[in-house]
Amino acid sequence: MIDIYLFLTTKNLQGYNQAKPLKVKINEVRLRKKEELPFKSDTDRWEIRGDSELGPIAWLLNNKSLRALVMGFGRDETKWKGKTIAVYPAQDKGRIIIMAEPLNGKNGS
Protein backbone atom coordinates (compact mmCIF):
# COMPACT_ATOMS: atom_id res chain seq x y z
CA MET A 1 0.00 0.00 0.00
CA ILE A 2 1.34 3.43 -0.91
CA ASP A 3 1.05 6.21 1.66
CA ILE A 4 1.34 9.79 0.52
CA TYR A 5 3.11 11.67 3.30
CA LEU A 6 2.59 15.33 4.01
CA PHE A 7 6.04 16.85 4.43
CA LEU A 8 5.60 18.75 7.67
CA THR A 9 6.44 22.45 7.79
CA THR A 10 5.82 25.13 10.41
CA LYS A 11 2.86 26.31 8.28
CA ASN A 12 1.18 22.93 8.80
CA LEU A 13 1.54 23.43 12.55
CA GLN A 14 -0.44 26.66 12.82
CA GLY A 15 -2.74 26.36 15.82
CA TYR A 16 -0.46 23.88 17.60
CA ASN A 17 1.91 24.77 20.45
CA GLN A 18 3.76 23.15 23.34
CA ALA A 19 0.57 23.13 25.46
CA LYS A 20 -1.49 21.69 22.57
CA PRO A 21 0.94 19.78 20.32
CA LEU A 22 0.29 17.67 17.27
CA LYS A 23 0.48 14.04 18.44
CA VAL A 24 2.37 11.78 16.05
CA LYS A 25 2.70 8.00 16.29
CA ILE A 26 6.07 7.02 14.81
CA ASN A 27 5.96 4.47 11.98
CA GLU A 28 9.50 4.79 10.67
CA VAL A 29 12.80 6.44 11.52
CA ARG A 30 15.53 6.44 8.91
CA LEU A 31 18.78 8.16 8.12
CA ARG A 32 18.57 10.07 4.84
CA LYS A 33 21.92 10.39 3.11
CA LYS A 34 22.91 13.97 2.28
CA GLU A 35 22.84 13.06 -1.43
CA GLU A 36 19.13 12.08 -1.11
CA LEU A 37 18.04 15.35 0.49
CA PRO A 38 16.07 17.89 -1.57
CA PHE A 39 18.53 20.61 -0.50
CA LYS A 40 22.29 21.01 -0.14
CA SER A 41 23.55 19.61 3.16
CA ASP A 42 26.96 18.73 4.56
CA THR A 43 25.50 15.97 6.75
CA ASP A 44 23.02 13.12 6.64
CA ARG A 45 19.68 13.83 8.38
CA TRP A 46 17.23 11.69 10.37
CA GLU A 47 13.69 11.51 9.04
CA ILE A 48 10.57 10.50 10.94
CA ARG A 49 7.41 9.26 9.29
CA GLY A 50 4.25 8.80 11.28
CA ASP A 51 0.50 9.12 11.64
CA SER A 52 -1.28 12.18 13.02
CA GLU A 53 -4.65 13.88 12.87
CA LEU A 54 -3.29 15.64 9.76
CA GLY A 55 -2.78 12.23 8.15
CA PRO A 56 0.55 10.55 7.38
CA ILE A 57 3.42 13.02 7.87
CA ALA A 58 7.18 13.08 7.40
CA TRP A 59 9.89 15.54 8.33
CA LEU A 60 13.61 15.85 8.92
CA LEU A 61 14.62 16.22 12.55
CA ASN A 62 16.66 19.17 13.72
CA ASN A 63 19.37 18.58 16.34
CA LYS A 64 17.22 19.85 19.24
CA SER A 65 14.41 17.42 18.46
CA LEU A 66 16.83 14.57 17.80
CA ARG A 67 18.47 15.11 21.22
CA ALA A 68 15.07 15.25 22.96
CA LEU A 69 13.95 11.97 21.35
CA VAL A 70 17.26 10.22 22.10
CA MET A 71 17.02 11.35 25.74
CA GLY A 72 13.44 10.07 25.95
CA PHE A 73 13.59 6.87 23.91
CA GLY A 74 17.28 5.92 23.82
CA ARG A 75 19.85 5.79 21.03
CA ASP A 76 18.38 2.74 19.25
CA GLU A 77 15.99 4.34 16.76
CA THR A 78 14.52 0.93 15.85
CA LYS A 79 12.78 0.99 19.26
CA TRP A 80 11.04 4.29 18.52
CA LYS A 81 8.44 2.69 16.23
CA GLY A 82 4.98 2.86 17.80
CA LYS A 83 5.96 5.63 20.24
CA THR A 84 3.93 8.83 20.34
CA ILE A 85 5.62 12.21 20.21
CA ALA A 86 4.50 15.81 20.64
CA VAL A 87 5.29 18.09 17.69
CA TYR A 88 4.91 21.86 17.72
CA PRO A 89 6.49 25.05 16.37
CA ALA A 90 9.06 26.68 18.67
CA GLN A 91 11.36 29.71 18.68
CA ASP A 92 15.08 28.96 18.39
CA LYS A 93 17.61 31.76 18.01
CA GLY A 94 15.10 34.07 16.35
CA ARG A 95 13.64 31.52 13.94
CA ILE A 96 10.75 29.10 14.04
CA ILE A 97 11.64 25.39 14.14
CA ILE A 98 9.65 22.18 14.41
CA MET A 99 10.22 20.75 17.88
CA ALA A 100 9.51 17.12 18.75
CA GLU A 101 9.68 15.47 22.14
CA PRO A 102 8.44 12.27 23.76
CA LEU A 103 4.84 12.46 24.91
CA ASN A 104 4.34 11.46 28.56
CA GLY A 105 7.94 10.61 29.31
CA LYS A 106 10.03 7.68 28.15
CA ASN A 107 7.32 5.29 27.05
CA GLY A 108 5.72 7.74 24.63
CA SER A 109 2.28 6.19 25.06
C-alpha atoms as a PDB file:
ATOM      1  CA  MET A   1       0.000   0.000   0.000  1.00  0.00           C
ATOM      2  CA  ILE A   2       1.345   3.427  -0.912  1.00  0.00           C
ATOM      3  CA  ASP A   3       1.052   6.206   1.663  1.00  0.00           C
ATOM      4  CA  ILE A   4       1.342   9.794   0.524  1.00  0.00           C
ATOM      5  CA  TYR A   5       3.110  11.666   3.303  1.00  0.00           C
ATOM      6  CA  LEU A   6       2.590  15.329   4.010  1.00  0.00           C
ATOM      7  CA  PHE A   7       6.041  16.849   4.429  1.00  0.00           C
ATOM      8  CA  LEU A   8       5.601  18.753   7.670  1.00  0.00           C
ATOM      9  CA  THR A   9       6.441  22.450   7.793  1.00  0.00           C
ATOM     10  CA  THR A  10       5.816  25.129  10.407  1.00  0.00           C
ATOM     11  CA  LYS A  11       2.859  26.313   8.285  1.00  0.00           C
ATOM     12  CA  ASN A  12       1.177  22.925   8.798  1.00  0.00           C
ATOM     13  CA  LEU A  13       1.541  23.425  12.553  1.00  0.00           C
ATOM     14  CA  GLN A  14      -0.438  26.660  12.817  1.00  0.00           C
ATOM     15  CA  GLY A  15      -2.738  26.356  15.823  1.00  0.00           C
ATOM     16  CA  TYR A  16      -0.463  23.878  17.603  1.00  0.00           C
ATOM     17  CA  ASN A  17       1.906  24.770  20.446  1.00  0.00           C
ATOM     18  CA  GLN A  18       3.755  23.150  23.337  1.00  0.00           C
ATOM     19  CA  ALA A  19       0.571  23.127  25.456  1.00  0.00           C
ATOM     20  CA  LYS A  20      -1.494  21.694  22.568  1.00  0.00           C
ATOM     21  CA  PRO A  21       0.937  19.780  20.316  1.00  0.00           C
ATOM     22  CA  LEU A  22       0.285  17.666  17.272  1.00  0.00           C
ATOM     23  CA  LYS A  23       0.477  14.039  18.438  1.00  0.00           C
ATOM     24  CA  VAL A  24       2.370  11.775  16.054  1.00  0.00           C
ATOM     25  CA  LYS A  25       2.697   8.000  16.288  1.00  0.00           C
ATOM     26  CA  ILE A  26       6.075   7.017  14.810  1.00  0.00           C
ATOM     27  CA  ASN A  27       5.958   4.474  11.975  1.00  0.00           C
ATOM     28  CA  GLU A  28       9.499   4.785  10.671  1.00  0.00           C
ATOM     29  CA  VAL A  29      12.800   6.445  11.523  1.00  0.00           C
ATOM     30  CA  ARG A  30      15.532   6.439   8.906  1.00  0.00           C
ATOM     31  CA  LEU A  31      18.775   8.158   8.119  1.00  0.00           C
ATOM     32  CA  ARG A  32      18.569  10.075   4.844  1.00  0.00           C
ATOM     33  CA  LYS A  33      21.917  10.391   3.112  1.00  0.00           C
ATOM     34  CA  LYS A  34      22.912  13.966   2.284  1.00  0.00           C
ATOM     35  CA  GLU A  35      22.837  13.059  -1.429  1.00  0.00           C
ATOM     36  CA  GLU A  36      19.128  12.079  -1.111  1.00  0.00           C
ATOM     37  CA  LEU A  37      18.038  15.351   0.486  1.00  0.00           C
ATOM     38  CA  PRO A  38      16.068  17.893  -1.569  1.00  0.00           C
ATOM     39  CA  PHE A  39      18.525  20.613  -0.499  1.00  0.00           C
ATOM     40  CA  LYS A  40      22.288  21.011  -0.140  1.00  0.00           C
ATOM     41  CA  SER A  41      23.551  19.612   3.157  1.00  0.00           C
ATOM     42  CA  ASP A  42      26.961  18.730   4.564  1.00  0.00           C
ATOM     43  CA  THR A  43      25.500  15.970   6.748  1.00  0.00           C
ATOM     44  CA  ASP A  44      23.017  13.124   6.637  1.00  0.00           C
ATOM     45  CA  ARG A  45      19.681  13.834   8.384  1.00  0.00           C
ATOM     46  CA  TRP A  46      17.233  11.695  10.371  1.00  0.00           C
ATOM     47  CA  GLU A  47      13.689  11.515   9.041  1.00  0.00           C
ATOM     48  CA  ILE A  48      10.571  10.503  10.940  1.00  0.00           C
ATOM     49  CA  ARG A  49       7.410   9.259   9.294  1.00  0.00           C
ATOM     50  CA  GLY A  50       4.246   8.798  11.283  1.00  0.00           C
ATOM     51  CA  ASP A  51       0.495   9.123  11.640  1.00  0.00           C
ATOM     52  CA  SER A  52      -1.283  12.184  13.019  1.00  0.00           C
ATOM     53  CA  GLU A  53      -4.651  13.876  12.874  1.00  0.00           C
ATOM     54  CA  LEU A  54      -3.292  15.643   9.759  1.00  0.00           C
ATOM     55  CA  GLY A  55      -2.784  12.225   8.149  1.00  0.00           C
ATOM     56  CA  PRO A  56       0.553  10.553   7.380  1.00  0.00           C
ATOM     57  CA  ILE A  57       3.420  13.016   7.873  1.00  0.00           C
ATOM     58  CA  ALA A  58       7.184  13.081   7.395  1.00  0.00           C
ATOM     59  CA  TRP A  59       9.892  15.540   8.331  1.00  0.00           C
ATOM     60  CA  LEU A  60      13.612  15.852   8.916  1.00  0.00           C
ATOM     61  CA  LEU A  61      14.622  16.216  12.549  1.00  0.00           C
ATOM     62  CA  ASN A  62      16.664  19.174  13.724  1.00  0.00           C
ATOM     63  CA  ASN A  63      19.373  18.583  16.339  1.00  0.00           C
ATOM     64  CA  LYS A  64      17.224  19.851  19.245  1.00  0.00           C
ATOM     65  CA  SER A  65      14.413  17.415  18.463  1.00  0.00           C
ATOM     66  CA  LEU A  66      16.827  14.571  17.802  1.00  0.00           C
ATOM     67  CA  ARG A  67      18.469  15.105  21.215  1.00  0.00           C
ATOM     68  CA  ALA A  68      15.068  15.250  22.960  1.00  0.00           C
ATOM     69  CA  LEU A  69      13.953  11.971  21.353  1.00  0.00           C
ATOM     70  CA  VAL A  70      17.261  10.223  22.100  1.00  0.00           C
ATOM     71  CA  MET A  71      17.022  11.353  25.743  1.00  0.00           C
ATOM     72  CA  GLY A  72      13.441  10.074  25.951  1.00  0.00           C
ATOM     73  CA  PHE A  73      13.590   6.871  23.913  1.00  0.00           C
ATOM     74  CA  GLY A  74      17.278   5.925  23.819  1.00  0.00           C
ATOM     75  CA  ARG A  75      19.854   5.788  21.029  1.00  0.00           C
ATOM     76  CA  ASP A  76      18.377   2.743  19.249  1.00  0.00           C
ATOM     77  CA  GLU A  77      15.989   4.345  16.761  1.00  0.00           C
ATOM     78  CA  THR A  78      14.518   0.929  15.851  1.00  0.00           C
ATOM     79  CA  LYS A  79      12.784   0.987  19.256  1.00  0.00           C
ATOM     80  CA  TRP A  80      11.043   4.292  18.516  1.00  0.00           C
ATOM     81  CA  LYS A  81       8.439   2.687  16.232  1.00  0.00           C
ATOM     82  CA  GLY A  82       4.982   2.862  17.802  1.00  0.00           C
ATOM     83  CA  LYS A  83       5.961   5.632  20.240  1.00  0.00           C
ATOM     84  CA  THR A  84       3.926   8.835  20.344  1.00  0.00           C
ATOM     85  CA  ILE A  85       5.621  12.211  20.212  1.00  0.00           C
ATOM     86  CA  ALA A  86       4.503  15.808  20.642  1.00  0.00           C
ATOM     87  CA  VAL A  87       5.293  18.086  17.687  1.00  0.00           C
ATOM     88  CA  TYR A  88       4.909  21.862  17.720  1.00  0.00           C
ATOM     89  CA  PRO A  89       6.490  25.052  16.367  1.00  0.00           C
ATOM     90  CA  ALA A  90       9.059  26.685  18.671  1.00  0.00           C
ATOM     91  CA  GLN A  91      11.361  29.708  18.679  1.00  0.00           C
ATOM     92  CA  ASP A  92      15.078  28.964  18.388  1.00  0.00           C
ATOM     93  CA  LYS A  93      17.614  31.763  18.011  1.00  0.00           C
ATOM     94  CA  GLY A  94      15.101  34.068  16.355  1.00  0.00           C
ATOM     95  CA  ARG A  95      13.642  31.523  13.943  1.00  0.00           C
ATOM     96  CA  ILE A  96      10.748  29.099  14.045  1.00  0.00           C
ATOM     97  CA  ILE A  97      11.639  25.391  14.141  1.00  0.00           C
ATOM     98  CA  ILE A  98       9.654  22.184  14.407  1.00  0.00           C
ATOM     99  CA  MET A  99      10.216  20.748  17.881  1.00  0.00           C
ATOM    100  CA  ALA A 100       9.506  17.116  18.751  1.00  0.00           C
ATOM    101  CA  GLU A 101       9.679  15.468  22.144  1.00  0.00           C
ATOM    102  CA  PRO A 102       8.441  12.267  23.762  1.00  0.00           C
ATOM    103  CA  LEU A 103       4.840  12.458  24.911  1.00  0.00           C
ATOM    104  CA  ASN A 104       4.339  11.462  28.560  1.00  0.00           C
ATOM    105  CA  GLY A 105       7.939  10.612  29.313  1.00  0.00           C
ATOM    106  CA  LYS A 106      10.026   7.681  28.152  1.00  0.00           C
ATOM    107  CA  ASN A 107       7.322   5.286  27.048  1.00  0.00           C
ATOM    108  CA  GLY A 108       5.717   7.739  24.626  1.00  0.00           C
ATOM    109  CA  SER A 109       2.279   6.193  25.062  1.00  0.00           C
END
